[in-house]
Amino acid sequence: MFVAANRFRVIPEHAPAFEQAWLTRESHLHELPGFLSFHLLRGPAMEDHVLYSSMTLWASREAFEAWTRSEQFRRAHAGAGESKPMTLGPPQFEGFEVLQTLTPGGPA
């Protein structure tokens, strides 16, 4: 499995609009083979930003990379960055190979 995450430092007064944009968008993720799940996470609020992360779980790194080259990716990201900046800088991408998974039923 592969975890793809982006961290966003959102300007506090733009946090409601940032959340609304994510919660009402068409992601097209479910259309891609290997997509397992998506999570939008809200983290701590600092003086100058609120930390958010988008986290997607994929069957493999190859499935994630196929998403980044897909028409669905282009549609999901169309218009990104065209509006007034809501964040302090660009998102920070982090990718992780899953080495171990534990579930209530035991190792997966």
C-alpha atoms as a PDB file:
ATOM      1  CA  MET A   1       0.000   0.000   0.000  1.00  0.00           C
ATOM      2  CA  PHE A   2       0.977   3.624  -0.489  1.00  0.00           C
ATOM      3  CA  VAL A   3      -0.110   6.723   1.444  1.00  0.00           C
ATOM      4  CA  ALA A   4      -0.102  10.057  -0.408  1.00  0.00           C
ATOM      5  CA  ALA A   5      -0.462  13.107   1.833  1.00  0.00           C
ATOM      6  CA  ASN A   6      -0.436  16.855   1.294  1.00  0.00           C
ATOM      7  CA  ARG A   7      -0.058  19.310   4.170  1.00  0.00           C
ATOM      8  CA  PHE A   8      -1.633  22.758   3.913  1.00  0.00           C
ATOM      9  CA  ARG A   9      -1.002  25.766   6.173  1.00  0.00           C
ATOM     10  CA  VAL A  10      -4.304  27.599   5.802  1.00  0.00           C
ATOM     11  CA  ILE A  11      -4.662  31.258   6.764  1.00  0.00           C
ATOM     12  CA  PRO A  12      -7.127  31.193   9.717  1.00  0.00           C
ATOM     13  CA  GLU A  13      -9.749  33.497   8.189  1.00  0.00           C
ATOM     14  CA  HIS A  14      -9.804  31.269   5.073  1.00  0.00           C
ATOM     15  CA  ALA A  15     -10.244  27.978   6.957  1.00  0.00           C
ATOM     16  CA  PRO A  16     -14.062  27.790   6.489  1.00  0.00           C
ATOM     17  CA  ALA A  17     -13.757  28.440   2.727  1.00  0.00           C
ATOM     18  CA  PHE A  18     -10.891  25.930   2.441  1.00  0.00           C
ATOM     19  CA  GLU A  19     -12.978  23.250   4.146  1.00  0.00           C
ATOM     20  CA  GLN A  20     -16.033  24.052   2.029  1.00  0.00           C
ATOM     21  CA  ALA A  21     -14.003  23.826  -1.178  1.00  0.00           C
ATOM     22  CA  TRP A  22     -12.750  20.362  -0.241  1.00  0.00           C
ATOM     23  CA  LEU A  23     -16.050  19.070   1.101  1.00  0.00           C
ATOM     24  CA  THR A  24     -18.032  20.078  -2.003  1.00  0.00           C
ATOM     25  CA  ARG A  25     -15.546  19.219  -4.768  1.00  0.00           C
ATOM     26  CA  GLU A  26     -15.727  16.356  -7.240  1.00  0.00           C
ATOM     27  CA  SER A  27     -12.598  14.324  -6.555  1.00  0.00           C
ATOM     28  CA  HIS A  28     -12.947  11.541  -9.168  1.00  0.00           C
ATOM     29  CA  LEU A  29     -10.703   9.367  -6.960  1.00  0.00           C
ATOM     30  CA  HIS A  30     -13.222   6.539  -6.859  1.00  0.00           C
ATOM     31  CA  GLU A  31     -12.905   6.196 -10.648  1.00  0.00           C
ATOM     32  CA  LEU A  32      -9.273   5.004 -10.453  1.00  0.00           C
ATOM     33  CA  PRO A  33      -8.091   1.423  -9.964  1.00  0.00           C
ATOM     34  CA  GLY A  34      -6.146   1.033  -6.741  1.00  0.00           C
ATOM     35  CA  PHE A  35      -7.872   3.867  -4.845  1.00  0.00           C
ATOM     36  CA  LEU A  36      -8.698   2.690  -1.311  1.00  0.00           C
ATOM     37  CA  SER A  37      -9.689   5.721   0.796  1.00  0.00           C
ATOM     38  CA  PHE A  38      -9.407   9.477   1.251  1.00  0.00           C
ATOM     39  CA  HIS A  39      -9.289  11.517   4.462  1.00  0.00           C
ATOM     40  CA  LEU A  40      -9.313  15.286   4.944  1.00  0.00           C
ATOM     41  CA  LEU A  41      -7.740  16.067   8.310  1.00  0.00           C
ATOM     42  CA  ARG A  42      -7.834  19.272  10.349  1.00  0.00           C
ATOM     43  CA  GLY A  43      -4.919  19.701  12.723  1.00  0.00           C
ATOM     44  CA  PRO A  44      -3.909  22.294  15.272  1.00  0.00           C
ATOM     45  CA  ALA A  45      -4.546  26.010  14.889  1.00  0.00           C
ATOM     46  CA  MET A  46      -1.489  28.205  15.226  1.00  0.00           C
ATOM     47  CA  GLU A  47      -1.366  31.984  15.329  1.00  0.00           C
ATOM     48  CA  ASP A  48      -0.733  32.331  11.573  1.00  0.00           C
ATOM     49  CA  HIS A  49      -2.305  29.130  10.160  1.00  0.00           C
ATOM     50  CA  VAL A  50      -4.496  26.081  10.655  1.00  0.00           C
ATOM     51  CA  LEU A  51      -2.838  22.827   9.643  1.00  0.00           C
ATOM     52  CA  TYR A  52      -4.758  20.528   7.265  1.00  0.00           C
ATOM     53  CA  SER A  53      -3.752  17.346   5.510  1.00  0.00           C
ATOM     54  CA  SER A  54      -5.327  15.411   2.685  1.00  0.00           C
ATOM     55  CA  MET A  55      -4.427  11.728   2.909  1.00  0.00           C
ATOM     56  CA  THR A  56      -5.159   9.124   0.258  1.00  0.00           C
ATOM     57  CA  LEU A  57      -4.546   5.413   0.601  1.00  0.00           C
ATOM     58  CA  TRP A  58      -3.680   3.512  -2.599  1.00  0.00           C
ATOM     59  CA  ALA A  59      -3.129  -0.172  -3.323  1.00  0.00           C
ATOM     60  CA  SER A  60       0.375   0.694  -4.607  1.00  0.00           C
ATOM     61  CA  ARG A  61       2.695   3.555  -5.521  1.00  0.00           C
ATOM     62  CA  GLU A  62       2.013   2.691  -9.161  1.00  0.00           C
ATOM     63  CA  ALA A  63      -1.746   3.187  -8.649  1.00  0.00           C
ATOM     64  CA  PHE A  64      -1.071   6.626  -7.097  1.00  0.00           C
ATOM     65  CA  GLU A  65       1.267   7.607  -9.927  1.00  0.00           C
ATOM     66  CA  ALA A  66      -1.355   6.532 -12.480  1.00  0.00           C
ATOM     67  CA  TRP A  67      -3.816   8.888 -10.723  1.00  0.00           C
ATOM     68  CA  THR A  68      -1.387  11.806 -11.095  1.00  0.00           C
ATOM     69  CA  ARG A  69      -1.226  11.185 -14.866  1.00  0.00           C
ATOM     70  CA  SER A  70      -4.966  10.658 -15.339  1.00  0.00           C
ATOM     71  CA  GLU A  71      -7.668  12.808 -16.891  1.00  0.00           C
ATOM     72  CA  GLN A  72      -9.504  12.536 -13.544  1.00  0.00           C
ATOM     73  CA  PHE A  73      -6.517  14.180 -11.818  1.00  0.00           C
ATOM     74  CA  ARG A  74      -6.546  17.041 -14.332  1.00  0.00           C
ATOM     75  CA  ARG A  75     -10.298  17.556 -13.835  1.00  0.00           C
ATOM     76  CA  ALA A  76     -10.027  17.400 -10.026  1.00  0.00           C
ATOM     77  CA  HIS A  77      -7.256  20.034 -10.016  1.00  0.00           C
ATOM     78  CA  ALA A  78      -8.628  22.321 -12.733  1.00  0.00           C
ATOM     79  CA  GLY A  79      -8.591  25.912 -11.551  1.00  0.00           C
ATOM     80  CA  ALA A  80      -6.343  25.216  -8.555  1.00  0.00           C
ATOM     81  CA  GLY A  81      -4.511  28.371  -7.570  1.00  0.00           C
ATOM     82  CA  GLU A  82      -6.694  30.699  -9.623  1.00  0.00           C
ATOM     83  CA  SER A  83      -8.486  32.209  -6.635  1.00  0.00           C
ATOM     84  CA  LYS A  84      -7.146  34.346  -3.794  1.00  0.00           C
ATOM     85  CA  PRO A  85      -4.481  32.408  -1.868  1.00  0.00           C
ATOM     86  CA  MET A  86      -5.880  30.617   1.184  1.00  0.00           C
ATOM     87  CA  THR A  87      -2.594  29.062   2.285  1.00  0.00           C
ATOM     88  CA  LEU A  88       0.864  30.080   3.409  1.00  0.00           C
ATOM     89  CA  GLY A  89       2.770  28.672   0.457  1.00  0.00           C
ATOM     90  CA  PRO A  90       2.112  25.591  -1.647  1.00  0.00           C
ATOM     91  CA  PRO A  91       1.039  22.252  -0.176  1.00  0.00           C
ATOM     92  CA  GLN A  92       3.815  19.963   1.008  1.00  0.00           C
ATOM     93  CA  PHE A  93       3.574  16.460  -0.486  1.00  0.00           C
ATOM     94  CA  GLU A  94       4.661  13.402   1.474  1.00  0.00           C
ATOM     95  CA  GLY A  95       4.477   9.834   0.147  1.00  0.00           C
ATOM     96  CA  PHE A  96       4.856   6.703   2.247  1.00  0.00           C
ATOM     97  CA  GLU A  97       5.147   2.987   1.533  1.00  0.00           C
ATOM     98  CA  VAL A  98       3.097   1.084   4.127  1.00  0.00           C
ATOM     99  CA  LEU A  99       5.365  -1.317   6.005  1.00  0.00           C
ATOM    100  CA  GLN A 100       2.910  -2.586   8.600  1.00  0.00           C
ATOM    101  CA  THR A 101      -0.836  -2.439   9.171  1.00  0.00           C
ATOM    102  CA  LEU A 102      -2.542  -3.420  12.418  1.00  0.00           C
ATOM    103  CA  THR A 103      -6.305  -3.822  12.670  1.00  0.00           C
ATOM    104  CA  PRO A 104      -8.604  -4.799  15.542  1.00  0.00           C
ATOM    105  CA  GLY A 105      -8.609  -8.334  14.140  1.00  0.00           C
ATOM    106  CA  GLY A 106      -4.807  -8.515  14.099  1.00  0.00           C
ATOM    107  CA  PRO A 107      -2.162  -7.847  11.435  1.00  0.00           C
ATOM    108  CA  ALA A 108      -3.540  -7.234   7.958  1.00  0.00           C
END
